[in-house]
N, C-alpha and C. Protein backbone atom coordinates (compact mmCIF):
# COMPACT_ATOMS: atom_id res chain seq x y z
N MET A 1 0.46 -0.83 -0.30
CA MET A 1 0.00 -0.19 -0.03
C MET A 1 0.84 1.35 -0.21
N LYS A 2 2.03 1.31 0.99
CA LYS A 2 3.10 2.32 1.22
C LYS A 2 3.39 2.75 -1.04
N ALA A 3 3.86 1.75 -1.76
CA ALA A 3 4.36 2.00 -2.92
C ALA A 3 3.19 2.47 -3.57
N LYS A 4 2.11 2.21 -3.29
CA LYS A 4 0.90 2.46 -4.25
C LYS A 4 0.59 3.95 -4.12
N ILE A 5 0.30 4.32 -2.84
CA ILE A 5 0.38 5.62 -2.01
C ILE A 5 1.32 6.90 -2.40
N LYS A 6 2.59 5.95 -2.86
CA LYS A 6 4.00 7.18 -3.39
C LYS A 6 3.75 6.92 -4.42
N GLN A 7 3.30 5.89 -5.50
CA GLN A 7 2.99 6.01 -6.70
C GLN A 7 1.70 7.44 -7.23
N ILE A 8 1.05 7.30 -6.40
CA ILE A 8 0.16 8.19 -6.46
C ILE A 8 0.11 9.94 -6.19
N PHE A 9 1.14 9.75 -5.40
CA PHE A 9 1.63 10.97 -5.12
C PHE A 9 2.63 11.52 -6.52
N ASP A 10 3.23 10.75 -6.54
CA ASP A 10 4.41 10.90 -7.76
C ASP A 10 3.75 11.59 -9.04
N ASN A 11 2.59 10.66 -9.10
CA ASN A 11 1.65 10.75 -10.72
C ASN A 11 1.58 12.10 -10.26
N GLU A 12 0.55 12.56 -9.06
CA GLU A 12 0.09 13.68 -9.08
C GLU A 12 0.88 15.16 -9.38
N ALA A 13 2.01 14.74 -8.81
CA ALA A 13 3.16 15.81 -9.02
C ALA A 13 3.84 15.94 -10.13
N SER A 14 3.86 15.02 -11.13
CA SER A 14 4.40 14.62 -12.27
C SER A 14 3.21 15.90 -12.90
N ALA A 15 1.77 15.31 -13.11
CA ALA A 15 0.95 16.40 -13.80
C ALA A 15 0.89 17.88 -13.37
N ILE A 16 1.00 17.98 -12.04
CA ILE A 16 1.53 19.37 -12.22
C ILE A 16 2.78 20.19 -12.76
N GLN A 17 4.01 19.40 -12.40
CA GLN A 17 4.99 19.63 -13.25
C GLN A 17 5.03 19.87 -15.02
N ASN A 18 3.46 19.33 -15.39
CA ASN A 18 3.53 19.34 -16.69
C ASN A 18 2.30 19.98 -17.17
N ILE A 19 2.05 20.98 -16.09
CA ILE A 19 1.02 21.44 -16.84
C ILE A 19 1.91 22.76 -17.78
N PRO A 20 0.92 23.21 -18.78
CA PRO A 20 1.68 24.48 -19.64
C PRO A 20 1.83 25.62 -19.06
N VAL A 21 2.72 26.28 -18.93
CA VAL A 21 2.76 27.96 -18.64
C VAL A 21 3.07 28.62 -20.02
N ASP A 22 2.28 29.56 -19.96
CA ASP A 22 2.32 30.23 -21.04
C ASP A 22 2.10 31.48 -21.18
N SER A 23 1.82 32.90 -22.43
CA SER A 23 1.17 33.57 -22.22
C SER A 23 -0.67 33.97 -21.41
N SER A 24 -1.66 32.72 -21.56
CA SER A 24 -2.44 32.76 -20.69
C SER A 24 -2.68 33.12 -19.79
N TYR A 25 -1.84 32.89 -18.86
CA TYR A 25 -1.70 33.60 -17.34
C TYR A 25 -1.73 34.56 -17.28
N GLU A 26 -0.71 35.53 -18.31
CA GLU A 26 -0.42 36.83 -18.06
C GLU A 26 -1.58 37.81 -18.67
N LYS A 27 -2.45 37.11 -19.74
CA LYS A 27 -3.56 37.64 -20.22
C LYS A 27 -4.68 37.06 -19.18
N ALA A 28 -4.72 36.13 -18.61
CA ALA A 28 -6.14 36.21 -17.69
C ALA A 28 -5.95 36.90 -16.71
N ILE A 29 -5.02 37.35 -16.04
CA ILE A 29 -4.08 38.57 -15.21
C ILE A 29 -4.57 39.88 -14.94
N GLU A 30 -4.75 40.06 -16.60
CA GLU A 30 -4.66 41.47 -17.58
C GLU A 30 -6.34 41.59 -17.15
N ILE A 31 -7.16 40.62 -17.54
CA ILE A 31 -8.64 40.45 -17.79
C ILE A 31 -9.48 40.90 -16.42
N ILE A 32 -8.99 39.61 -15.68
CA ILE A 32 -9.42 40.22 -14.05
C ILE A 32 -9.05 41.72 -13.78
N HIS A 33 -7.48 41.69 -13.73
CA HIS A 33 -7.13 43.31 -13.09
C HIS A 33 -7.85 44.15 -13.60
N THR A 34 -7.68 44.52 -14.79
CA THR A 34 -9.02 45.78 -15.35
C THR A 34 -10.54 45.31 -15.34
N ARG A 35 -11.19 44.16 -15.23
CA ARG A 35 -12.61 44.27 -14.90
C ARG A 35 -12.70 44.55 -13.18
N VAL A 36 -12.18 43.98 -12.69
CA VAL A 36 -12.25 44.34 -11.04
C VAL A 36 -11.72 45.03 -10.64
N HIS A 37 -9.92 45.62 -10.49
CA HIS A 37 -9.95 46.77 -10.01
C HIS A 37 -10.09 47.96 -10.71
N LYS A 38 -9.71 47.89 -12.04
CA LYS A 38 -10.60 49.28 -13.00
C LYS A 38 -11.33 49.37 -12.86
N LYS A 39 -12.11 48.52 -13.14
CA LYS A 39 -13.65 48.82 -13.37
C LYS A 39 -14.90 48.45 -12.45
N ASN A 40 -14.21 47.96 -11.52
CA ASN A 40 -15.28 47.87 -10.39
C ASN A 40 -16.13 46.65 -10.51
N GLY A 41 -15.91 45.52 -11.32
CA GLY A 41 -16.39 44.52 -11.25
C GLY A 41 -16.28 43.55 -10.48
N LYS A 42 -16.57 42.36 -10.47
CA LYS A 42 -16.12 41.44 -9.65
C LYS A 42 -15.87 40.13 -10.40
N LEU A 43 -14.95 38.88 -10.19
CA LEU A 43 -14.92 37.97 -10.23
C LEU A 43 -15.63 36.63 -10.35
N VAL A 44 -16.23 36.21 -11.35
CA VAL A 44 -17.23 34.89 -11.04
C VAL A 44 -17.02 33.72 -11.77
N THR A 45 -16.93 32.58 -10.59
CA THR A 45 -16.46 31.54 -10.80
C THR A 45 -17.15 30.50 -11.23
N SER A 46 -17.35 29.73 -12.04
CA SER A 46 -18.45 28.70 -12.02
C SER A 46 -17.86 26.99 -12.81
N GLY A 47 -18.47 25.85 -12.44
CA GLY A 47 -18.03 24.88 -12.92
C GLY A 47 -18.93 23.93 -12.16
N MET A 48 -19.00 23.10 -12.92
CA MET A 48 -19.96 21.90 -12.62
C MET A 48 -19.57 20.02 -11.85
N GLY A 49 -20.30 19.87 -10.95
CA GLY A 49 -19.56 18.90 -10.17
C GLY A 49 -18.30 19.06 -9.40
N LYS A 50 -17.67 18.21 -9.82
CA LYS A 50 -15.92 18.33 -8.31
C LYS A 50 -15.42 19.93 -8.83
N ALA A 51 -15.43 19.94 -10.61
CA ALA A 51 -14.94 21.48 -10.67
C ALA A 51 -15.56 22.06 -10.35
N GLY A 52 -16.60 22.33 -9.78
CA GLY A 52 -17.40 22.97 -9.13
C GLY A 52 -16.86 23.37 -8.15
N GLN A 53 -16.55 22.63 -7.57
CA GLN A 53 -16.27 22.17 -6.02
C GLN A 53 -14.78 23.72 -6.21
N ILE A 54 -14.37 22.96 -6.87
CA ILE A 54 -12.54 23.43 -7.25
C ILE A 54 -12.85 25.77 -7.52
N ALA A 55 -13.85 25.69 -8.56
CA ALA A 55 -14.12 27.15 -8.65
C ALA A 55 -14.72 28.00 -7.29
N HIS A 56 -15.50 27.19 -6.93
CA HIS A 56 -15.95 27.52 -5.69
C HIS A 56 -15.07 27.87 -4.27
N ASN A 57 -13.87 27.29 -4.61
CA ASN A 57 -12.56 27.83 -3.44
C ASN A 57 -11.68 28.34 -4.37
N ILE A 58 -11.74 28.91 -5.41
CA ILE A 58 -10.98 30.01 -6.05
C ILE A 58 -11.40 30.77 -5.79
N ALA A 59 -12.91 31.39 -5.94
CA ALA A 59 -13.18 31.99 -5.41
C ALA A 59 -13.68 32.53 -4.19
N THR A 60 -13.12 31.97 -2.92
CA THR A 60 -13.35 32.70 -1.65
C THR A 60 -12.09 32.82 -1.31
N THR A 61 -10.65 32.16 -2.35
CA THR A 61 -9.46 32.60 -2.02
C THR A 61 -9.13 33.93 -2.62
N PHE A 62 -9.73 34.14 -3.90
CA PHE A 62 -9.50 35.44 -4.68
C PHE A 62 -9.97 36.33 -3.47
N SER A 63 -11.75 36.46 -3.08
CA SER A 63 -11.88 37.08 -2.16
C SER A 63 -11.25 37.41 -1.25
N SER A 64 -10.72 36.55 -0.42
CA SER A 64 -9.39 36.94 0.91
C SER A 64 -8.70 37.40 0.65
N THR A 65 -8.21 37.24 -0.82
CA THR A 65 -6.58 38.45 -1.18
C THR A 65 -7.11 39.49 -1.79
N GLY A 66 -8.28 39.94 -1.73
CA GLY A 66 -8.27 41.33 -2.57
C GLY A 66 -8.80 41.38 -3.63
N THR A 67 -9.52 40.44 -4.22
CA THR A 67 -10.12 40.49 -5.58
C THR A 67 -11.59 39.70 -5.70
N PRO A 68 -12.90 40.95 -5.44
CA PRO A 68 -14.14 39.97 -5.24
C PRO A 68 -14.34 39.59 -5.86
N SER A 69 -14.72 38.09 -5.68
CA SER A 69 -15.34 36.88 -6.11
C SER A 69 -16.44 36.32 -5.61
N VAL A 70 -17.20 35.66 -6.74
CA VAL A 70 -18.41 34.44 -5.79
C VAL A 70 -18.32 33.58 -7.29
N PHE A 71 -19.24 32.52 -6.65
CA PHE A 71 -19.22 31.21 -7.62
C PHE A 71 -20.47 31.11 -7.75
N LEU A 72 -21.31 30.90 -9.29
CA LEU A 72 -21.96 30.84 -9.52
C LEU A 72 -22.38 29.56 -9.83
N HIS A 73 -23.28 28.90 -9.76
CA HIS A 73 -23.31 27.32 -9.64
C HIS A 73 -24.11 27.64 -11.37
N PRO A 74 -23.96 26.66 -12.49
CA PRO A 74 -24.31 26.71 -13.59
C PRO A 74 -26.06 26.52 -13.65
N SER A 75 -26.26 25.41 -12.76
CA SER A 75 -27.60 25.15 -12.89
C SER A 75 -28.45 26.09 -12.34
N GLU A 76 -28.05 26.44 -10.96
CA GLU A 76 -28.73 27.21 -10.56
C GLU A 76 -29.00 28.62 -11.04
N ALA A 77 -27.82 29.17 -12.00
CA ALA A 77 -27.67 30.32 -12.76
C ALA A 77 -28.85 29.79 -13.80
N GLN A 78 -29.44 29.38 -14.05
CA GLN A 78 -30.70 28.81 -15.31
C GLN A 78 -32.08 29.36 -14.90
N HIS A 79 -31.86 29.62 -13.17
CA HIS A 79 -32.91 29.61 -12.52
C HIS A 79 -33.18 30.61 -11.87
N GLY A 80 -32.41 32.49 -12.30
CA GLY A 80 -32.84 33.44 -11.79
C GLY A 80 -31.12 33.78 -11.05
N ASP A 81 -30.49 32.86 -10.92
CA ASP A 81 -28.97 33.39 -10.03
C ASP A 81 -28.24 34.24 -11.43
N LEU A 82 -28.62 33.72 -12.35
CA LEU A 82 -27.45 34.54 -13.38
C LEU A 82 -27.86 36.40 -13.26
N GLY A 83 -29.11 36.62 -12.09
CA GLY A 83 -28.48 38.21 -11.69
C GLY A 83 -27.87 38.13 -11.08
N ILE A 84 -27.07 37.62 -10.58
CA ILE A 84 -25.92 37.89 -9.82
C ILE A 84 -24.79 38.68 -10.77
N LEU A 85 -24.54 38.50 -12.07
CA LEU A 85 -23.95 38.88 -13.25
C LEU A 85 -24.51 40.93 -13.54
N GLN A 86 -23.08 41.40 -12.91
CA GLN A 86 -23.04 42.84 -13.69
C GLN A 86 -22.09 42.56 -15.08
N GLU A 87 -22.57 44.06 -15.92
CA GLU A 87 -21.70 44.47 -16.64
C GLU A 87 -20.41 44.52 -17.07
N ASN A 88 -19.66 44.65 -15.86
CA ASN A 88 -18.10 44.87 -15.85
C ASN A 88 -17.53 43.22 -14.88
N ASP A 89 -18.67 42.32 -14.84
CA ASP A 89 -17.91 41.75 -14.43
C ASP A 89 -16.85 40.39 -15.10
N VAL A 90 -15.99 39.35 -14.60
CA VAL A 90 -15.47 38.71 -15.59
C VAL A 90 -15.71 37.24 -15.08
N LEU A 91 -16.07 36.36 -16.09
CA LEU A 91 -16.20 35.19 -15.85
C LEU A 91 -15.46 33.81 -15.81
N LEU A 92 -15.33 33.21 -14.85
CA LEU A 92 -13.93 32.08 -14.74
C LEU A 92 -14.61 30.81 -14.74
N ALA A 93 -14.80 29.79 -15.65
CA ALA A 93 -15.19 28.82 -16.21
C ALA A 93 -14.26 27.59 -16.38
N ILE A 94 -14.43 26.47 -15.28
CA ILE A 94 -13.83 25.16 -15.31
C ILE A 94 -14.39 24.28 -15.97
N SER A 95 -13.49 23.40 -16.18
CA SER A 95 -14.10 22.43 -17.01
C SER A 95 -13.16 21.24 -17.56
N ASN A 96 -13.04 20.33 -17.26
CA ASN A 96 -11.76 19.14 -17.83
C ASN A 96 -12.18 19.20 -19.09
N SER A 97 -13.14 18.64 -19.61
CA SER A 97 -13.61 18.05 -21.11
C SER A 97 -13.65 19.22 -21.88
N GLY A 98 -14.09 20.55 -21.72
CA GLY A 98 -14.37 21.69 -22.38
C GLY A 98 -15.64 21.57 -22.95
N LYS A 99 -16.31 20.63 -22.66
CA LYS A 99 -17.66 20.04 -22.99
C LYS A 99 -19.10 20.05 -22.36
N THR A 100 -18.70 20.82 -20.93
CA THR A 100 -19.89 20.51 -19.96
C THR A 100 -20.79 21.41 -20.15
N ARG A 101 -22.15 20.70 -20.61
CA ARG A 101 -23.06 21.53 -21.19
C ARG A 101 -23.30 22.69 -20.37
N GLU A 102 -23.62 22.45 -18.58
CA GLU A 102 -24.10 23.23 -18.47
C GLU A 102 -23.35 24.63 -18.30
N ILE A 103 -22.18 24.47 -18.33
CA ILE A 103 -21.38 25.84 -18.59
C ILE A 103 -21.25 26.39 -20.09
N ILE A 104 -21.09 25.36 -20.18
CA ILE A 104 -21.52 25.97 -22.19
C ILE A 104 -23.25 26.77 -22.26
N GLU A 105 -23.77 25.81 -21.67
CA GLU A 105 -25.33 26.93 -21.35
C GLU A 105 -25.05 28.00 -20.95
N LEU A 106 -24.17 27.96 -19.69
CA LEU A 106 -24.72 29.49 -18.68
C LEU A 106 -23.52 30.75 -19.10
N ILE A 107 -22.39 30.48 -20.65
CA ILE A 107 -22.02 31.51 -21.46
C ILE A 107 -23.05 31.79 -21.96
N ASP A 108 -23.82 30.86 -23.11
CA ASP A 108 -25.14 31.85 -24.03
C ASP A 108 -25.82 32.34 -23.38
N LEU A 109 -26.15 32.04 -22.02
CA LEU A 109 -27.23 32.76 -21.17
C LEU A 109 -26.54 34.23 -20.78
N LYS A 110 -25.21 34.04 -20.29
CA LYS A 110 -24.65 35.35 -20.37
C LYS A 110 -24.48 36.23 -21.36
N ASN A 111 -23.69 35.73 -22.48
CA ASN A 111 -24.24 36.67 -23.63
C ASN A 111 -25.45 37.24 -24.00
N ASN A 112 -26.41 36.38 -23.73
CA ASN A 112 -27.78 37.13 -23.51
C ASN A 112 -28.06 38.58 -22.80
N LEU A 113 -27.57 38.67 -21.98
CA LEU A 113 -27.80 39.19 -20.66
C LEU A 113 -26.35 40.44 -20.60
N PHE A 114 -25.36 39.86 -20.99
CA PHE A 114 -24.20 41.39 -20.74
C PHE A 114 -22.65 40.09 -21.70
N PRO A 115 -23.17 40.36 -22.97
CA PRO A 115 -22.38 40.27 -23.96
C PRO A 115 -21.00 40.37 -24.24
N GLY A 116 -21.16 41.53 -23.39
CA GLY A 116 -19.76 41.98 -23.27
C GLY A 116 -18.53 41.53 -22.16
N ILE A 117 -18.84 40.87 -21.00
CA ILE A 117 -18.54 40.14 -20.08
C ILE A 117 -17.26 39.24 -20.76
N PRO A 118 -16.29 39.16 -20.36
CA PRO A 118 -15.07 38.01 -21.13
C PRO A 118 -15.04 36.73 -20.12
N VAL A 119 -14.48 35.80 -20.90
CA VAL A 119 -14.89 34.66 -20.30
C VAL A 119 -13.29 34.29 -19.85
N ILE A 120 -12.78 33.82 -19.10
CA ILE A 120 -11.64 32.93 -19.43
C ILE A 120 -12.03 31.29 -18.50
N VAL A 121 -11.67 30.37 -19.46
CA VAL A 121 -12.05 28.57 -18.95
C VAL A 121 -10.66 28.22 -18.80
N ILE A 122 -10.52 27.30 -17.97
CA ILE A 122 -9.40 26.17 -17.49
C ILE A 122 -9.87 25.03 -17.99
N THR A 123 -9.27 24.38 -18.76
CA THR A 123 -9.61 23.12 -19.18
C THR A 123 -8.51 22.47 -19.79
N GLY A 124 -9.04 21.13 -20.14
CA GLY A 124 -7.62 20.23 -20.55
C GLY A 124 -8.06 19.86 -21.99
N ASN A 125 -8.94 20.68 -23.04
CA ASN A 125 -8.84 20.30 -24.17
C ASN A 125 -8.77 21.68 -25.19
N SER A 126 -7.86 22.21 -25.90
CA SER A 126 -7.78 23.70 -26.42
C SER A 126 -8.77 23.89 -27.69
N GLU A 127 -8.68 22.41 -28.01
CA GLU A 127 -9.73 22.32 -29.03
C GLU A 127 -11.67 22.08 -28.89
N SER A 128 -11.82 22.34 -27.66
CA SER A 128 -13.27 22.42 -27.03
C SER A 128 -14.38 23.48 -27.46
N PRO A 129 -15.62 23.00 -27.44
CA PRO A 129 -16.41 24.67 -27.59
C PRO A 129 -16.08 25.03 -26.01
N LEU A 130 -15.75 25.34 -25.32
CA LEU A 130 -15.40 25.70 -24.26
C LEU A 130 -14.47 27.22 -24.41
N ALA A 131 -13.53 26.29 -24.89
CA ALA A 131 -12.19 27.04 -25.19
C ALA A 131 -12.26 28.01 -26.49
N GLN A 132 -13.03 27.39 -27.47
CA GLN A 132 -13.43 28.12 -28.74
C GLN A 132 -14.34 29.07 -28.07
N LYS A 133 -15.27 29.35 -27.39
CA LYS A 133 -16.08 30.29 -26.85
C LYS A 133 -14.86 31.07 -25.83
N SER A 134 -14.42 31.01 -25.45
CA SER A 134 -13.69 31.83 -23.99
C SER A 134 -12.83 32.85 -24.70
N ASP A 135 -12.36 33.98 -24.09
CA ASP A 135 -11.79 35.00 -24.26
C ASP A 135 -9.92 34.79 -24.12
N CYS A 136 -9.76 33.87 -23.36
CA CYS A 136 -8.38 33.43 -22.94
C CYS A 136 -9.17 31.78 -22.33
N HIS A 137 -7.92 30.92 -22.58
CA HIS A 137 -8.38 29.42 -22.09
C HIS A 137 -6.98 29.12 -21.37
N ILE A 138 -6.84 28.75 -20.77
CA ILE A 138 -5.41 27.95 -19.79
C ILE A 138 -5.60 26.53 -19.54
N LEU A 139 -5.07 25.97 -20.17
CA LEU A 139 -4.73 24.99 -20.28
C LEU A 139 -3.86 23.79 -19.32
N THR A 140 -4.33 22.55 -18.52
CA THR A 140 -4.24 21.80 -18.20
C THR A 140 -3.52 20.79 -18.30
N GLY A 141 -2.95 20.41 -19.52
CA GLY A 141 -2.14 19.77 -19.48
C GLY A 141 -2.75 18.00 -19.30
N ALA A 142 -4.22 18.35 -19.71
CA ALA A 142 -4.85 17.13 -19.70
C ALA A 142 -4.04 15.79 -18.88
N PRO A 143 -4.28 15.63 -17.50
CA PRO A 143 -3.88 14.63 -17.26
C PRO A 143 -4.38 13.76 -17.15
N SER A 144 -3.88 12.31 -17.04
CA SER A 144 -4.55 11.52 -16.57
C SER A 144 -5.17 11.33 -15.17
N GLU A 145 -6.27 10.62 -15.17
CA GLU A 145 -6.68 10.74 -13.39
C GLU A 145 -6.04 9.20 -12.87
N VAL A 146 -5.31 9.89 -11.38
CA VAL A 146 -5.08 8.56 -10.63
C VAL A 146 -6.14 7.29 -10.23
N CYS A 147 -7.66 7.99 -10.55
CA CYS A 147 -8.81 7.16 -10.40
C CYS A 147 -8.66 5.90 -10.98
N PRO A 148 -8.31 4.59 -10.20
CA PRO A 148 -8.28 3.19 -11.38
C PRO A 148 -9.18 3.14 -12.26
N LEU A 149 -10.45 3.06 -12.38
CA LEU A 149 -10.98 3.38 -13.40
C LEU A 149 -10.81 4.48 -14.23
N GLY A 150 -10.11 5.80 -14.14
CA GLY A 150 -9.55 6.32 -14.92
C GLY A 150 -10.74 7.69 -15.51
N LEU A 151 -11.60 7.69 -14.24
CA LEU A 151 -13.03 8.40 -14.18
C LEU A 151 -13.10 9.61 -13.06
N THR A 152 -12.76 9.26 -12.27
CA THR A 152 -13.19 9.80 -10.78
C THR A 152 -12.27 10.99 -11.46
N PRO A 153 -12.87 12.78 -10.93
CA PRO A 153 -11.89 13.42 -10.93
C PRO A 153 -10.83 13.80 -9.88
N THR A 154 -9.86 13.66 -10.07
CA THR A 154 -8.83 12.88 -9.14
C THR A 154 -7.68 14.29 -9.25
N THR A 155 -6.46 13.92 -10.55
CA THR A 155 -5.56 14.80 -10.71
C THR A 155 -6.36 15.40 -11.37
N SER A 156 -7.50 15.83 -11.88
CA SER A 156 -7.43 17.11 -13.05
C SER A 156 -7.92 17.87 -11.92
N THR A 157 -8.49 17.74 -10.53
CA THR A 157 -9.07 18.53 -9.43
C THR A 157 -7.39 19.08 -9.05
N THR A 158 -6.69 18.67 -8.81
CA THR A 158 -5.40 19.12 -7.95
C THR A 158 -4.89 19.44 -9.40
N VAL A 159 -5.11 19.73 -9.93
CA VAL A 159 -3.99 20.33 -11.50
C VAL A 159 -5.01 21.80 -11.65
N PHE A 160 -6.61 21.79 -11.40
CA PHE A 160 -7.21 22.85 -11.44
C PHE A 160 -6.90 24.10 -10.13
N THR A 161 -6.63 23.57 -8.92
CA THR A 161 -6.52 24.06 -8.02
C THR A 161 -5.26 24.50 -7.70
N VAL A 162 -3.90 23.94 -8.56
CA VAL A 162 -2.93 24.40 -8.21
C VAL A 162 -3.18 25.62 -9.39
N ILE A 163 -4.04 25.74 -10.56
CA ILE A 163 -3.62 26.74 -11.44
C ILE A 163 -4.43 27.82 -11.06
N GLY A 164 -5.49 28.03 -10.69
CA GLY A 164 -6.01 29.00 -9.08
C GLY A 164 -4.97 29.50 -8.45
N ASP A 165 -4.39 28.96 -7.93
CA ASP A 165 -3.36 29.15 -7.01
C ASP A 165 -2.38 30.20 -7.78
N ALA A 166 -2.12 29.93 -8.89
CA ALA A 166 -1.35 30.29 -9.20
C ALA A 166 -1.61 31.83 -9.98
N LEU A 167 -2.83 31.68 -10.27
CA LEU A 167 -3.74 33.46 -10.77
C LEU A 167 -3.82 33.93 -9.29
N VAL A 168 -4.12 33.63 -8.28
CA VAL A 168 -4.25 34.01 -7.16
C VAL A 168 -3.46 35.01 -6.85
N VAL A 169 -2.05 33.92 -6.36
CA VAL A 169 -0.74 34.57 -6.72
C VAL A 169 -0.23 35.66 -6.75
N MET A 170 -0.56 35.50 -8.50
CA MET A 170 -0.05 37.16 -9.35
C MET A 170 -0.89 37.98 -9.01
N MET A 171 -1.86 38.04 -9.11
CA MET A 171 -3.01 39.15 -8.09
C MET A 171 -2.58 39.81 -7.62
N MET A 172 -2.11 38.67 -6.47
CA MET A 172 -1.49 39.43 -5.18
C MET A 172 -1.03 40.72 -5.20
N GLU A 173 0.22 40.17 -5.89
CA GLU A 173 1.86 40.70 -6.36
C GLU A 173 1.06 41.93 -7.23
N LYS A 174 0.28 41.72 -8.06
CA LYS A 174 -0.06 42.70 -9.27
C LYS A 174 -0.95 43.78 -8.35
N ILE A 175 -1.42 43.86 -7.05
CA ILE A 175 -1.95 44.58 -6.91
C ILE A 175 -1.24 45.26 -5.42
N GLY A 176 -0.01 44.82 -5.01
CA GLY A 176 0.22 44.99 -3.71
C GLY A 176 0.19 44.54 -2.63
N PHE A 177 -0.78 43.74 -2.85
CA PHE A 177 -1.74 43.20 -1.49
C PHE A 177 -0.74 42.71 -0.13
N THR A 178 -1.13 43.12 0.82
CA THR A 178 -0.40 43.20 2.19
C THR A 178 -0.80 42.55 3.33
N ALA A 179 -0.25 41.99 4.09
CA ALA A 179 -0.61 41.57 5.21
C ALA A 179 -1.73 42.33 5.67
N GLY A 180 -1.67 43.51 5.98
CA GLY A 180 -2.69 44.68 6.49
C GLY A 180 -3.82 44.80 5.42
N ASP A 181 -4.09 44.25 4.89
CA ASP A 181 -5.04 43.90 3.56
C ASP A 181 -5.73 42.82 4.19
N TYR A 182 -5.02 41.92 4.02
CA TYR A 182 -5.45 40.19 4.43
C TYR A 182 -6.22 40.43 5.62
N ALA A 183 -5.50 41.28 6.61
CA ALA A 183 -6.48 41.02 8.36
C ALA A 183 -7.66 41.41 8.54
N LYS A 184 -7.49 42.66 7.35
CA LYS A 184 -9.16 43.55 7.11
C LYS A 184 -10.08 42.44 6.79
N ARG A 185 -9.46 41.24 5.91
CA ARG A 185 -10.95 40.76 5.31
C ARG A 185 -11.09 39.20 5.95
N HIS A 186 -10.10 39.69 7.37
CA HIS A 186 -9.83 37.98 7.53
C HIS A 186 -9.41 38.34 9.23
N HIS A 187 -10.70 38.46 10.08
CA HIS A 187 -10.28 39.03 11.08
C HIS A 187 -10.63 37.65 11.81
N GLY A 188 -11.16 36.49 11.97
CA GLY A 188 -11.21 35.44 12.97
C GLY A 188 -10.02 33.81 12.73
N GLY A 189 -9.86 33.30 13.28
CA GLY A 189 -9.06 32.23 13.82
C GLY A 189 -7.55 32.81 13.39
N TYR A 190 -6.74 31.66 13.18
CA TYR A 190 -5.30 31.24 13.64
C TYR A 190 -4.58 32.66 12.58
N LEU A 191 -5.47 32.03 11.52
CA LEU A 191 -5.04 32.94 10.13
C LEU A 191 -4.62 34.75 10.63
N GLY A 192 -6.19 34.93 11.09
CA GLY A 192 -6.76 36.39 11.64
C GLY A 192 -5.81 37.10 12.40
N THR A 193 -5.42 36.08 12.91
CA THR A 193 -4.62 36.65 14.41
C THR A 193 -2.79 36.55 13.85
N LYS A 194 -2.76 36.35 13.09
CA LYS A 194 -1.65 36.04 12.63
C LYS A 194 -1.32 37.18 11.64
N SER A 195 -1.73 37.66 10.71
CA SER A 195 -1.86 38.37 10.08
C SER A 195 -2.43 39.94 10.88
N ARG A 196 -2.42 39.82 11.64
CA ARG A 196 -2.80 41.41 12.08
C ARG A 196 -1.31 41.27 12.85
N GLU A 197 -0.79 40.34 13.94
CA GLU A 197 0.51 40.52 14.10
C GLU A 197 1.52 40.63 13.26
N LYS A 198 1.70 40.18 11.94
CA LYS A 198 2.12 40.63 10.78
C LYS A 198 2.09 41.91 10.30
N SER A 199 1.00 42.36 10.64
CA SER A 199 0.59 44.16 9.71
C SER A 199 0.69 44.66 10.87
N GLY A 200 0.80 44.57 12.24
CA GLY A 200 0.91 45.43 13.67
C GLY A 200 -0.68 45.76 13.56
N ILE A 201 -1.51 45.10 13.20
CA ILE A 201 -2.89 45.53 13.50
C ILE A 201 -3.50 45.27 14.92
N GLN A 202 -3.84 46.16 15.46
CA GLN A 202 -4.71 45.54 16.78
C GLN A 202 -5.70 44.83 16.63
N ASP A 203 -6.15 44.03 17.40
CA ASP A 203 -7.21 43.35 18.01
C ASP A 203 -8.42 44.54 17.56
N LEU A 204 -9.95 43.97 17.50
CA LEU A 204 -11.10 45.02 17.40
C LEU A 204 -11.88 44.45 19.07
N ASP A 205 -12.31 45.30 19.70
CA ASP A 205 -13.00 45.53 20.41
C ASP A 205 -14.41 44.97 19.90
N GLY A 206 -15.40 44.71 21.32
CA GLY A 206 -16.30 44.32 20.76
C GLY A 206 -17.40 44.96 20.14
N GLU A 207 -17.28 46.13 19.80
CA GLU A 207 -18.13 47.15 19.04
C GLU A 207 -17.45 47.60 17.24
N GLY A 208 -15.86 46.47 17.68
CA GLY A 208 -15.54 46.72 16.36
C GLY A 208 -14.65 47.64 15.78
N ASN A 209 -14.00 48.13 17.01
CA ASN A 209 -12.96 49.14 17.10
C ASN A 209 -11.90 48.81 17.36
N ASN A 210 -10.47 49.17 16.72
CA ASN A 210 -9.52 49.10 17.18
C ASN A 210 -8.79 49.16 18.53
N LYS A 211 -8.30 47.88 19.23
CA LYS A 211 -7.70 48.15 20.57
C LYS A 211 -6.67 49.26 20.73
N ARG A 212 -7.06 50.02 21.61
CA ARG A 212 -5.81 50.79 22.07
C ARG A 212 -5.04 50.76 23.20
């Protein structure tokens, strides 16, 4: 079992090392920065199933690091949640196959409401319908899943997470995000305390005022 587990780790590490790194990252960051930080829009992430869970994580990580973001479930979007979109937003969609029906429909619905909203897609298929519909697509390298059936999203979700982390870190650097900025958005828990200590911000009293 130890040997098998190590092989799984090696396979996933190899998949990360083989993620293509090209100009799509710079393009994606520029799009997000322009829409969110210059035009006061927000980043809207979306994905179906396991990819959706990663998209939700990416949204919360972006929000905690200074780039307002929300997750939009592609199915719920068809039942009114599409109304969360505003004209200066940017959509980040995740689909390993690039053929996820609900995401394709989401982009079509978005185009009917706000056709000017740019679309960034993270996918394993550059020739897919989603890649073709996007303004920018980031490729995963289409790694094989470590699932013994070759079906369950495992390696692909690991790669999605790493790509999301790269986008977050690059945006933090672009906007000059500091520990003080982090502390203002993350008051609770160990990370809240650590960020306040690092930035020199004092704890708040019960009324929301800085303690002196």
